[in-house]
Amino acid sequence: MKNNLVALSIFCFAVCFVIGSWLISDGLREKQTNPIKQTSQHQLLTQSELADYLGISIEEVQKLNRFDNGTNSYRSLLPHIKIENAVYYPKVAIDKWIQNVERLVIQ
């Protein structure tokens, strides 16, 4: 009787091992066919996406876009690309800009 229990235990272990391996391989295969969303994200951000990315409000992003340079004109502190009337912010350039800004006070 004891030999039968050992054999049954080994058989159950083998079945569980095979099922677990199949589930793991199936999960890995699914990740390969459906790429992670983060790698397919676009690199140009709109104003609202930039606000979400930086964790600030849209009004604060607008203040950074309209910085008075003292000559009765405005310039943007943020690196941007303008295509016709649409303004986009390159994510890589924004990251570099954040690293280079030591102190910035805008009212």
PDB file of N, CA and C in Angstrom:
ATOM      1  N   MET A   1       0.823  -1.198   0.000  1.00  0.00           N
ATOM      2  CA  MET A   1       0.000   0.000   0.000  1.00  0.00           C
ATOM      3  C   MET A   1       0.864   1.258   0.000  1.00  0.00           C
ATOM      4  N   LYS A   2       1.948   1.211   0.799  1.00  0.00           N
ATOM      5  CA  LYS A   2       2.833   2.360   0.882  1.00  0.00           C
ATOM      6  C   LYS A   2       3.499   2.624  -0.466  1.00  0.00           C
ATOM      7  N   ASN A   3       3.865   1.579  -1.203  1.00  0.00           N
ATOM      8  CA  ASN A   3       4.488   1.734  -2.515  1.00  0.00           C
ATOM      9  C   ASN A   3       3.529   2.369  -3.507  1.00  0.00           C
ATOM     10  N   ASN A   4       2.253   2.028  -3.392  1.00  0.00           N
ATOM     11  CA  ASN A   4       1.260   2.621  -4.286  1.00  0.00           C
ATOM     12  C   ASN A   4       1.099   4.121  -4.030  1.00  0.00           C
ATOM     13  N   LEU A   5       1.164   4.543  -2.752  1.00  0.00           N
ATOM     14  CA  LEU A   5       1.045   5.962  -2.417  1.00  0.00           C
ATOM     15  C   LEU A   5       2.237   6.761  -2.932  1.00  0.00           C
ATOM     16  N   VAL A   6       3.428   6.195  -2.849  1.00  0.00           N
ATOM     17  CA  VAL A   6       4.629   6.863  -3.355  1.00  0.00           C
ATOM     18  C   VAL A   6       4.527   7.020  -4.873  1.00  0.00           C
ATOM     19  N   ALA A   7       4.091   5.959  -5.551  1.00  0.00           N
ATOM     20  CA  ALA A   7       3.957   6.014  -6.997  1.00  0.00           C
ATOM     21  C   ALA A   7       2.882   7.029  -7.402  1.00  0.00           C
ATOM     22  N   LEU A   8       1.783   7.058  -6.671  1.00  0.00           N
ATOM     23  CA  LEU A   8       0.707   8.013  -6.947  1.00  0.00           C
ATOM     24  C   LEU A   8       1.183   9.445  -6.706  1.00  0.00           C
ATOM     25  N   SER A   9       1.957   9.656  -5.661  1.00  0.00           N
ATOM     26  CA  SER A   9       2.496  10.990  -5.370  1.00  0.00           C
ATOM     27  C   SER A   9       3.443  11.450  -6.472  1.00  0.00           C
ATOM     28  N   ILE A  10       4.308  10.563  -6.936  1.00  0.00           N
ATOM     29  CA  ILE A  10       5.237  10.906  -8.014  1.00  0.00           C
ATOM     30  C   ILE A  10       4.459  11.221  -9.288  1.00  0.00           C
ATOM     31  N   PHE A  11       3.444  10.447  -9.564  1.00  0.00           N
ATOM     32  CA  PHE A  11       2.626  10.694 -10.758  1.00  0.00           C
ATOM     33  C   PHE A  11       1.916  12.046 -10.665  1.00  0.00           C
ATOM     34  N   CYS A  12       1.333  12.366  -9.515  1.00  0.00           N
ATOM     35  CA  CYS A  12       0.654  13.661  -9.323  1.00  0.00           C
ATOM     36  C   CYS A  12       1.645  14.813  -9.468  1.00  0.00           C
ATOM     37  N   PHE A  13       2.844  14.644  -8.905  1.00  0.00           N
ATOM     38  CA  PHE A  13       3.881  15.671  -9.033  1.00  0.00           C
ATOM     39  C   PHE A  13       4.252  15.885 -10.499  1.00  0.00           C
ATOM     40  N   ALA A  14       4.399  14.821 -11.261  1.00  0.00           N
ATOM     41  CA  ALA A  14       4.764  14.927 -12.671  1.00  0.00           C
ATOM     42  C   ALA A  14       3.665  15.630 -13.468  1.00  0.00           C
ATOM     43  N   VAL A  15       2.410  15.293 -13.191  1.00  0.00           N
ATOM     44  CA  VAL A  15       1.294  15.925 -13.895  1.00  0.00           C
ATOM     45  C   VAL A  15       1.250  17.420 -13.568  1.00  0.00           C
ATOM     46  N   CYS A  16       1.418  17.776 -12.299  1.00  0.00           N
ATOM     47  CA  CYS A  16       1.422  19.187 -11.904  1.00  0.00           C
ATOM     48  C   CYS A  16       2.594  19.931 -12.540  1.00  0.00           C
ATOM     49  N   PHE A  17       3.741  19.283 -12.625  1.00  0.00           N
ATOM     50  CA  PHE A  17       4.922  19.894 -13.229  1.00  0.00           C
ATOM     51  C   PHE A  17       4.683  20.181 -14.710  1.00  0.00           C
ATOM     52  N   VAL A  18       4.085  19.232 -15.416  1.00  0.00           N
ATOM     53  CA  VAL A  18       3.808  19.411 -16.837  1.00  0.00           C
ATOM     54  C   VAL A  18       2.777  20.516 -17.049  1.00  0.00           C
ATOM     55  N   ILE A  19       1.726  20.543 -16.257  1.00  0.00           N
ATOM     56  CA  ILE A  19       0.694  21.577 -16.390  1.00  0.00           C
ATOM     57  C   ILE A  19       1.273  22.953 -16.066  1.00  0.00           C
ATOM     58  N   GLY A  20       2.069  23.058 -15.013  1.00  0.00           N
ATOM     59  CA  GLY A  20       2.701  24.331 -14.652  1.00  0.00           C
ATOM     60  C   GLY A  20       3.631  24.825 -15.744  1.00  0.00           C
ATOM     61  N   SER A  21       4.412  23.928 -16.317  1.00  0.00           N
ATOM     62  CA  SER A  21       5.310  24.311 -17.412  1.00  0.00           C
ATOM     63  C   SER A  21       4.531  24.787 -18.622  1.00  0.00           C
ATOM     64  N   TRP A  22       3.430  24.133 -18.912  1.00  0.00           N
ATOM     65  CA  TRP A  22       2.602  24.539 -20.041  1.00  0.00           C
ATOM     66  C   TRP A  22       2.002  25.929 -19.805  1.00  0.00           C
ATOM     67  N   LEU A  23       1.514  26.202 -18.597  1.00  0.00           N
ATOM     68  CA  LEU A  23       0.945  27.510 -18.283  1.00  0.00           C
ATOM     69  C   LEU A  23       2.002  28.614 -18.381  1.00  0.00           C
ATOM     70  N   ILE A  24       3.188  28.357 -17.882  1.00  0.00           N
ATOM     71  CA  ILE A  24       4.265  29.350 -17.950  1.00  0.00           C
ATOM     72  C   ILE A  24       4.649  29.624 -19.396  1.00  0.00           C
ATOM     73  N   SER A  25       4.821  28.569 -20.183  1.00  0.00           N
ATOM     74  CA  SER A  25       5.210  28.781 -21.588  1.00  0.00           C
ATOM     75  C   SER A  25       4.112  29.495 -22.363  1.00  0.00           C
ATOM     76  N   ASP A  26       2.852  29.211 -22.044  1.00  0.00           N
ATOM     77  CA  ASP A  26       1.738  29.891 -22.698  1.00  0.00           C
ATOM     78  C   ASP A  26       1.736  31.371 -22.343  1.00  0.00           C
ATOM     79  N   GLY A  27       2.018  31.709 -21.091  1.00  0.00           N
ATOM     80  CA  GLY A  27       2.090  33.104 -20.671  1.00  0.00           C
ATOM     81  C   GLY A  27       3.239  33.837 -21.339  1.00  0.00           C
ATOM     82  N   LEU A  28       4.382  33.188 -21.481  1.00  0.00           N
ATOM     83  CA  LEU A  28       5.520  33.813 -22.158  1.00  0.00           C
ATOM     84  C   LEU A  28       5.234  34.025 -23.634  1.00  0.00           C
ATOM     85  N   ARG A  29       4.580  33.077 -24.256  1.00  0.00           N
ATOM     86  CA  ARG A  29       4.242  33.193 -25.671  1.00  0.00           C
ATOM     87  C   ARG A  29       3.280  34.361 -25.888  1.00  0.00           C
ATOM     88  N   GLU A  30       2.338  34.563 -24.982  1.00  0.00           N
ATOM     89  CA  GLU A  30       1.382  35.659 -25.102  1.00  0.00           C
ATOM     90  C   GLU A  30       2.081  37.006 -25.011  1.00  0.00           C
ATOM     91  N   LYS A  31       3.086  37.145 -24.146  1.00  0.00           N
ATOM     92  CA  LYS A  31       3.827  38.398 -24.035  1.00  0.00           C
ATOM     93  C   LYS A  31       4.617  38.677 -25.304  1.00  0.00           C
ATOM     94  N   GLN A  32       5.091  37.648 -25.968  1.00  0.00           N
ATOM     95  CA  GLN A  32       5.860  37.848 -27.185  1.00  0.00           C
ATOM     96  C   GLN A  32       4.961  38.280 -28.340  1.00  0.00           C
ATOM     97  N   THR A  33       3.742  37.780 -28.399  1.00  0.00           N
ATOM     98  CA  THR A  33       2.847  38.146 -29.495  1.00  0.00           C
ATOM     99  C   THR A  33       2.161  39.475 -29.240  1.00  0.00           C
ATOM    100  N   ASN A  34       1.977  39.870 -27.989  1.00  0.00           N
ATOM    101  CA  ASN A  34       1.385  41.158 -27.641  1.00  0.00           C
ATOM    102  C   ASN A  34       2.448  42.003 -26.962  1.00  0.00           C
ATOM    103  N   PRO A  35       3.172  42.842 -27.722  1.00  0.00           N
ATOM    104  CA  PRO A  35       4.248  43.620 -27.113  1.00  0.00           C
ATOM    105  C   PRO A  35       3.718  44.535 -26.018  1.00  0.00           C
ATOM    106  N   ILE A  36       4.542  44.817 -25.068  1.00  0.00           N
ATOM    107  CA  ILE A  36       4.156  45.673 -23.953  1.00  0.00           C
ATOM    108  C   ILE A  36       3.811  47.056 -24.482  1.00  0.00           C
ATOM    109  N   LYS A  37       2.764  47.640 -23.956  1.00  0.00           N
ATOM    110  CA  LYS A  37       2.288  48.929 -24.435  1.00  0.00           C
ATOM    111  C   LYS A  37       3.360  50.005 -24.308  1.00  0.00           C
ATOM    112  N   GLN A  38       4.178  49.908 -23.285  1.00  0.00           N
ATOM    113  CA  GLN A  38       5.172  50.937 -23.037  1.00  0.00           C
ATOM    114  C   GLN A  38       6.184  51.037 -24.167  1.00  0.00           C
ATOM    115  N   THR A  39       6.531  49.927 -24.796  1.00  0.00           N
ATOM    116  CA  THR A  39       7.498  49.991 -25.889  1.00  0.00           C
ATOM    117  C   THR A  39       6.885  50.563 -27.149  1.00  0.00           C
ATOM    118  N   SER A  40       5.557  50.525 -27.276  1.00  0.00           N
ATOM    119  CA  SER A  40       4.924  51.044 -28.474  1.00  0.00           C
ATOM    120  C   SER A  40       4.348  52.434 -28.266  1.00  0.00           C
ATOM    121  N   GLN A  41       4.598  53.047 -27.114  1.00  0.00           N
ATOM    122  CA  GLN A  41       4.089  54.387 -26.879  1.00  0.00           C
ATOM    123  C   GLN A  41       4.753  55.368 -27.826  1.00  0.00           C
ATOM    124  N   HIS A  42       4.015  56.371 -28.202  1.00  0.00           N
ATOM    125  CA  HIS A  42       4.563  57.382 -29.081  1.00  0.00           C
ATOM    126  C   HIS A  42       5.524  58.282 -28.316  1.00  0.00           C
ATOM    127  N   GLN A  43       6.431  58.878 -29.027  1.00  0.00           N
ATOM    128  CA  GLN A  43       7.482  59.683 -28.406  1.00  0.00           C
ATOM    129  C   GLN A  43       7.143  61.168 -28.360  1.00  0.00           C
ATOM    130  N   LEU A  44       6.115  61.599 -29.085  1.00  0.00           N
ATOM    131  CA  LEU A  44       5.678  62.990 -29.058  1.00  0.00           C
ATOM    132  C   LEU A  44       4.417  63.099 -28.210  1.00  0.00           C
ATOM    133  N   LEU A  45       4.443  63.992 -27.244  1.00  0.00           N
ATOM    134  CA  LEU A  45       3.332  64.156 -26.324  1.00  0.00           C
ATOM    135  C   LEU A  45       2.540  65.413 -26.658  1.00  0.00           C
ATOM    136  N   THR A  46       1.231  65.343 -26.494  1.00  0.00           N
ATOM    137  CA  THR A  46       0.402  66.541 -26.597  1.00  0.00           C
ATOM    138  C   THR A  46       0.485  67.285 -25.266  1.00  0.00           C
ATOM    139  N   GLN A  47      -0.148  68.446 -25.200  1.00  0.00           N
ATOM    140  CA  GLN A  47      -0.087  69.243 -23.980  1.00  0.00           C
ATOM    141  C   GLN A  47      -0.711  68.505 -22.791  1.00  0.00           C
ATOM    142  N   SER A  48      -1.842  67.866 -22.995  1.00  0.00           N
ATOM    143  CA  SER A  48      -2.481  67.140 -21.891  1.00  0.00           C
ATOM    144  C   SER A  48      -1.669  65.904 -21.503  1.00  0.00           C
ATOM    145  N   GLU A  49      -1.082  65.207 -22.481  1.00  0.00           N
ATOM    146  CA  GLU A  49      -0.231  64.056 -22.172  1.00  0.00           C
ATOM    147  C   GLU A  49       1.015  64.500 -21.416  1.00  0.00           C
ATOM    148  N   LEU A  50       1.555  65.668 -21.790  1.00  0.00           N
ATOM    149  CA  LEU A  50       2.725  66.200 -21.087  1.00  0.00           C
ATOM    150  C   LEU A  50       2.379  66.529 -19.643  1.00  0.00           C
ATOM    151  N   ALA A  51       1.211  67.117 -19.425  1.00  0.00           N
ATOM    152  CA  ALA A  51       0.779  67.427 -18.060  1.00  0.00           C
ATOM    153  C   ALA A  51       0.683  66.150 -17.228  1.00  0.00           C
ATOM    154  N   ASP A  52       0.111  65.101 -17.797  1.00  0.00           N
ATOM    155  CA  ASP A  52       0.028  63.812 -17.094  1.00  0.00           C
ATOM    156  C   ASP A  52       1.412  63.238 -16.852  1.00  0.00           C
ATOM    157  N   TYR A  53       2.282  63.329 -17.851  1.00  0.00           N
ATOM    158  CA  TYR A  53       3.635  62.777 -17.757  1.00  0.00           C
ATOM    159  C   TYR A  53       4.443  63.477 -16.672  1.00  0.00           C
ATOM    160  N   LEU A  54       4.294  64.807 -16.573  1.00  0.00           N
ATOM    161  CA  LEU A  54       5.044  65.564 -15.570  1.00  0.00           C
ATOM    162  C   LEU A  54       4.348  65.594 -14.215  1.00  0.00           C
ATOM    163  N   GLY A  55       3.071  65.242 -14.196  1.00  0.00           N
ATOM    164  CA  GLY A  55       2.328  65.253 -12.939  1.00  0.00           C
ATOM    165  C   GLY A  55       1.918  66.655 -12.520  1.00  0.00           C
ATOM    166  N   ILE A  56       1.694  67.536 -13.484  1.00  0.00           N
ATOM    167  CA  ILE A  56       1.257  68.898 -13.200  1.00  0.00           C
ATOM    168  C   ILE A  56      -0.023  69.168 -13.986  1.00  0.00           C
ATOM    169  N   SER A  57      -0.633  70.334 -13.720  1.00  0.00           N
ATOM    170  CA  SER A  57      -1.877  70.662 -14.415  1.00  0.00           C
ATOM    171  C   SER A  57      -1.575  71.236 -15.798  1.00  0.00           C
ATOM    172  N   ILE A  58      -2.597  71.277 -16.625  1.00  0.00           N
ATOM    173  CA  ILE A  58      -2.457  71.836 -17.973  1.00  0.00           C
ATOM    174  C   ILE A  58      -2.140  73.329 -17.889  1.00  0.00           C
ATOM    175  N   GLU A  59      -2.706  74.004 -16.888  1.00  0.00           N
ATOM    176  CA  GLU A  59      -2.435  75.439 -16.713  1.00  0.00           C
ATOM    177  C   GLU A  59      -0.958  75.675 -16.424  1.00  0.00           C
ATOM    178  N   GLU A  60      -0.343  74.789 -15.635  1.00  0.00           N
ATOM    179  CA  GLU A  60       1.087  74.932 -15.343  1.00  0.00           C
ATOM    180  C   GLU A  60       1.936  74.675 -16.588  1.00  0.00           C
ATOM    181  N   VAL A  61       1.513  73.744 -17.421  1.00  0.00           N
ATOM    182  CA  VAL A  61       2.216  73.511 -18.687  1.00  0.00           C
ATOM    183  C   VAL A  61       2.097  74.750 -19.564  1.00  0.00           C
ATOM    184  N   GLN A  62       0.927  75.371 -19.591  1.00  0.00           N
ATOM    185  CA  GLN A  62       0.735  76.588 -20.382  1.00  0.00           C
ATOM    186  C   GLN A  62       1.617  77.722 -19.875  1.00  0.00           C
ATOM    187  N   LYS A  63       1.823  77.811 -18.556  1.00  0.00           N
ATOM    188  CA  LYS A  63       2.719  78.832 -18.010  1.00  0.00           C
ATOM    189  C   LYS A  63       4.162  78.593 -18.462  1.00  0.00           C
ATOM    190  N   LEU A  64       4.555  77.327 -18.540  1.00  0.00           N
ATOM    191  CA  LEU A  64       5.903  77.025 -19.020  1.00  0.00           C
ATOM    192  C   LEU A  64       6.046  77.336 -20.503  1.00  0.00           C
ATOM    193  N   ASN A  65       4.950  77.291 -21.228  1.00  0.00           N
ATOM    194  CA  ASN A  65       4.978  77.583 -22.659  1.00  0.00           C
ATOM    195  C   ASN A  65       5.002  79.077 -22.950  1.00  0.00           C
ATOM    196  N   ARG A  66       4.544  79.893 -22.027  1.00  0.00           N
ATOM    197  CA  ARG A  66       4.472  81.336 -22.268  1.00  0.00           C
ATOM    198  C   ARG A  66       5.301  82.058 -21.222  1.00  0.00           C
ATOM    199  N   PHE A  67       6.606  81.984 -21.360  1.00  0.00           N
ATOM    200  CA  PHE A  67       7.547  82.618 -20.439  1.00  0.00           C
ATOM    201  C   PHE A  67       7.975  83.953 -21.031  1.00  0.00           C
ATOM    202  N   ASP A  68       7.753  85.034 -20.288  1.00  0.00           N
ATOM    203  CA  ASP A  68       8.107  86.368 -20.767  1.00  0.00           C
ATOM    204  C   ASP A  68       9.618  86.519 -20.772  1.00  0.00           C
ATOM    205  N   ASN A  69      10.185  86.826 -21.937  1.00  0.00           N
ATOM    206  CA  ASN A  69      11.637  86.975 -22.015  1.00  0.00           C
ATOM    207  C   ASN A  69      12.087  88.425 -21.876  1.00  0.00           C
ATOM    208  N   GLY A  70      11.174  89.329 -21.491  1.00  0.00           N
ATOM    209  CA  GLY A  70      11.542  90.699 -21.191  1.00  0.00           C
ATOM    210  C   GLY A  70      11.469  91.653 -22.356  1.00  0.00           C
ATOM    211  N   THR A  71      11.200  91.207 -23.540  1.00  0.00           N
ATOM    212  CA  THR A  71      11.135  92.090 -24.711  1.00  0.00           C
ATOM    213  C   THR A  71       9.719  92.167 -25.247  1.00  0.00           C
ATOM    214  N   ASN A  72       8.754  92.094 -24.359  1.00  0.00           N
ATOM    215  CA  ASN A  72       7.340  92.128 -24.742  1.00  0.00           C
ATOM    216  C   ASN A  72       6.951  90.970 -25.650  1.00  0.00           C
ATOM    217  N   SER A  73       7.705  89.906 -25.612  1.00  0.00           N
ATOM    218  CA  SER A  73       7.356  88.705 -26.364  1.00  0.00           C
ATOM    219  C   SER A  73       7.532  87.508 -25.446  1.00  0.00           C
ATOM    220  N   TYR A  74       6.983  86.421 -25.876  1.00  0.00           N
ATOM    221  CA  TYR A  74       7.011  85.215 -25.061  1.00  0.00           C
ATOM    222  C   TYR A  74       7.771  84.115 -25.783  1.00  0.00           C
ATOM    223  N   ARG A  75       8.356  83.256 -24.982  1.00  0.00           N
ATOM    224  CA  ARG A  75       9.011  82.078 -25.539  1.00  0.00           C
ATOM    225  C   ARG A  75       8.675  80.893 -24.642  1.00  0.00           C
ATOM    226  N   SER A  76       8.900  79.723 -25.137  1.00  0.00           N
ATOM    227  CA  SER A  76       8.605  78.509 -24.385  1.00  0.00           C
ATOM    228  C   SER A  76       9.865  78.006 -23.707  1.00  0.00           C
ATOM    229  N   LEU A  77       9.729  77.600 -22.459  1.00  0.00           N
ATOM    230  CA  LEU A  77      10.841  76.976 -21.753  1.00  0.00           C
ATOM    231  C   LEU A  77      10.965  75.502 -22.103  1.00  0.00           C
ATOM    232  N   LEU A  78       9.885  74.941 -22.596  1.00  0.00           N
ATOM    233  CA  LEU A  78       9.849  73.516 -22.894  1.00  0.00           C
ATOM    234  C   LEU A  78      10.295  73.250 -24.328  1.00  0.00           C
ATOM    235  N   PRO A  79      11.110  72.223 -24.546  1.00  0.00           N
ATOM    236  CA  PRO A  79      11.429  71.846 -25.922  1.00  0.00           C
ATOM    237  C   PRO A  79      10.173  71.323 -26.610  1.00  0.00           C
ATOM    238  N   HIS A  80       9.932  71.811 -27.806  1.00  0.00           N
ATOM    239  CA  HIS A  80       8.696  71.430 -28.498  1.00  0.00           C
ATOM    240  C   HIS A  80       8.910  71.414 -30.001  1.00  0.00           C
ATOM    241  N   ILE A  81       7.962  70.792 -30.669  1.00  0.00           N
ATOM    242  CA  ILE A  81       7.917  70.747 -32.128  1.00  0.00           C
ATOM    243  C   ILE A  81       6.552  71.268 -32.537  1.00  0.00           C
ATOM    244  N   LYS A  82       6.533  72.197 -33.458  1.00  0.00           N
ATOM    245  CA  LYS A  82       5.256  72.749 -33.907  1.00  0.00           C
ATOM    246  C   LYS A  82       5.015  72.303 -35.342  1.00  0.00           C
ATOM    247  N   ILE A  83       3.904  71.627 -35.557  1.00  0.00           N
ATOM    248  CA  ILE A  83       3.491  71.177 -36.881  1.00  0.00           C
ATOM    249  C   ILE A  83       2.166  71.868 -37.180  1.00  0.00           C
ATOM    250  N   GLU A  84       2.224  72.819 -38.103  1.00  0.00           N
ATOM    251  CA  GLU A  84       1.094  73.698 -38.391  1.00  0.00           C
ATOM    252  C   GLU A  84       0.651  74.361 -37.091  1.00  0.00           C
ATOM    253  N   ASN A  85      -0.550  74.105 -36.606  1.00  0.00           N
ATOM    254  CA  ASN A  85      -1.015  74.723 -35.361  1.00  0.00           C
ATOM    255  C   ASN A  85      -0.886  73.796 -34.164  1.00  0.00           C
ATOM    256  N   ALA A  86      -0.425  72.580 -34.370  1.00  0.00           N
ATOM    257  CA  ALA A  86      -0.308  71.603 -33.287  1.00  0.00           C
ATOM    258  C   ALA A  86       1.104  71.649 -32.693  1.00  0.00           C
ATOM    259  N   VAL A  87       1.174  71.593 -31.372  1.00  0.00           N
ATOM    260  CA  VAL A  87       2.454  71.604 -30.664  1.00  0.00           C
ATOM    261  C   VAL A  87       2.639  70.249 -30.001  1.00  0.00           C
ATOM    262  N   TYR A  88       3.803  69.661 -30.210  1.00  0.00           N
ATOM    263  CA  TYR A  88       4.138  68.365 -29.623  1.00  0.00           C
ATOM    264  C   TYR A  88       5.442  68.501 -28.836  1.00  0.00           C
ATOM    265  N   TYR A  89       5.565  67.680 -27.801  1.00  0.00           N
ATOM    266  CA  TYR A  89       6.724  67.729 -26.928  1.00  0.00           C
ATOM    267  C   TYR A  89       7.446  66.385 -26.996  1.00  0.00           C
ATOM    268  N   PRO A  90       8.692  66.367 -27.477  1.00  0.00           N
ATOM    269  CA  PRO A  90       9.439  65.105 -27.527  1.00  0.00           C
ATOM    270  C   PRO A  90       9.762  64.622 -26.109  1.00  0.00           C
ATOM    271  N   LYS A  91       9.397  63.400 -25.829  1.00  0.00           N
ATOM    272  CA  LYS A  91       9.575  62.854 -24.484  1.00  0.00           C
ATOM    273  C   LYS A  91      11.048  62.839 -24.066  1.00  0.00           C
ATOM    274  N   VAL A  92      11.943  62.481 -24.979  1.00  0.00           N
ATOM    275  CA  VAL A  92      13.367  62.413 -24.665  1.00  0.00           C
ATOM    276  C   VAL A  92      13.902  63.810 -24.338  1.00  0.00           C
ATOM    277  N   ALA A  93      13.492  64.816 -25.118  1.00  0.00           N
ATOM    278  CA  ALA A  93      13.943  66.184 -24.874  1.00  0.00           C
ATOM    279  C   ALA A  93      13.391  66.726 -23.554  1.00  0.00           C
ATOM    280  N   ILE A  94      12.162  66.361 -23.225  1.00  0.00           N
ATOM    281  CA  ILE A  94      11.575  66.781 -21.947  1.00  0.00           C
ATOM    282  C   ILE A  94      12.358  66.172 -20.789  1.00  0.00           C
ATOM    283  N   ASP A  95      12.721  64.893 -20.901  1.00  0.00           N
ATOM    284  CA  ASP A  95      13.509  64.248 -19.845  1.00  0.00           C
ATOM    285  C   ASP A  95      14.856  64.936 -19.657  1.00  0.00           C
ATOM    286  N   LYS A  96      15.522  65.292 -20.754  1.00  0.00           N
ATOM    287  CA  LYS A  96      16.807  65.996 -20.666  1.00  0.00           C
ATOM    288  C   LYS A  96      16.616  67.385 -20.063  1.00  0.00           C
ATOM    289  N   TRP A  97      15.542  68.063 -20.444  1.00  0.00           N
ATOM    290  CA  TRP A  97      15.256  69.397 -19.920  1.00  0.00           C
ATOM    291  C   TRP A  97      15.058  69.341 -18.404  1.00  0.00           C
ATOM    292  N   ILE A  98      14.336  68.339 -17.936  1.00  0.00           N
ATOM    293  CA  ILE A  98      14.094  68.191 -16.499  1.00  0.00           C
ATOM    294  C   ILE A  98      15.409  67.978 -15.760  1.00  0.00           C
ATOM    295  N   GLN A  99      16.309  67.183 -16.314  1.00  0.00           N
ATOM    296  CA  GLN A  99      17.584  66.921 -15.667  1.00  0.00           C
ATOM    297  C   GLN A  99      18.460  68.170 -15.607  1.00  0.00           C
ATOM    298  N   ASN A 100      18.332  69.070 -16.586  1.00  0.00           N
ATOM    299  CA  ASN A 100      19.186  70.250 -16.654  1.00  0.00           C
ATOM    300  C   ASN A 100      18.629  71.447 -15.876  1.00  0.00           C
ATOM    301  N   VAL A 101      17.356  71.437 -15.536  1.00  0.00           N
ATOM    302  CA  VAL A 101      16.754  72.562 -14.815  1.00  0.00           C
ATOM    303  C   VAL A 101      17.110  72.417 -13.332  1.00  0.00           C
ATOM    304  N   GLU A 102      17.805  73.440 -12.818  1.00  0.00           N
ATOM    305  CA  GLU A 102      18.167  73.400 -11.404  1.00  0.00           C
ATOM    306  C   GLU A 102      17.081  74.043 -10.555  1.00  0.00           C
ATOM    307  N   ARG A 103      16.689  75.251 -10.936  1.00  0.00           N
ATOM    308  CA  ARG A 103      15.663  75.943 -10.190  1.00  0.00           C
ATOM    309  C   ARG A 103      14.892  76.826 -11.142  1.00  0.00           C
ATOM    310  N   LEU A 104      13.582  76.742 -11.079  1.00  0.00           N
ATOM    311  CA  LEU A 104      12.740  77.508 -11.984  1.00  0.00           C
ATOM    312  C   LEU A 104      11.527  77.989 -11.206  1.00  0.00           C
ATOM    313  N   VAL A 105      11.327  79.303 -11.181  1.00  0.00           N
ATOM    314  CA  VAL A 105      10.185  79.887 -10.490  1.00  0.00           C
ATOM    315  C   VAL A 105       9.363  80.654 -11.509  1.00  0.00           C
ATOM    316  N   ILE A 106       8.121  80.257 -11.670  1.00  0.00           N
ATOM    317  CA  ILE A 106       7.202  80.938 -12.595  1.00  0.00           C
ATOM    318  C   ILE A 106       5.949  81.295 -11.811  1.00  0.00           C
ATOM    319  N   GLN A 107       5.510  82.514 -11.983  1.00  0.00           N
ATOM    320  CA  GLN A 107       4.320  82.955 -11.252  1.00  0.00           C
ATOM    321  C   GLN A 107       3.162  83.192 -12.179  1.00  0.00           C
TER     322      GLN A 107
END
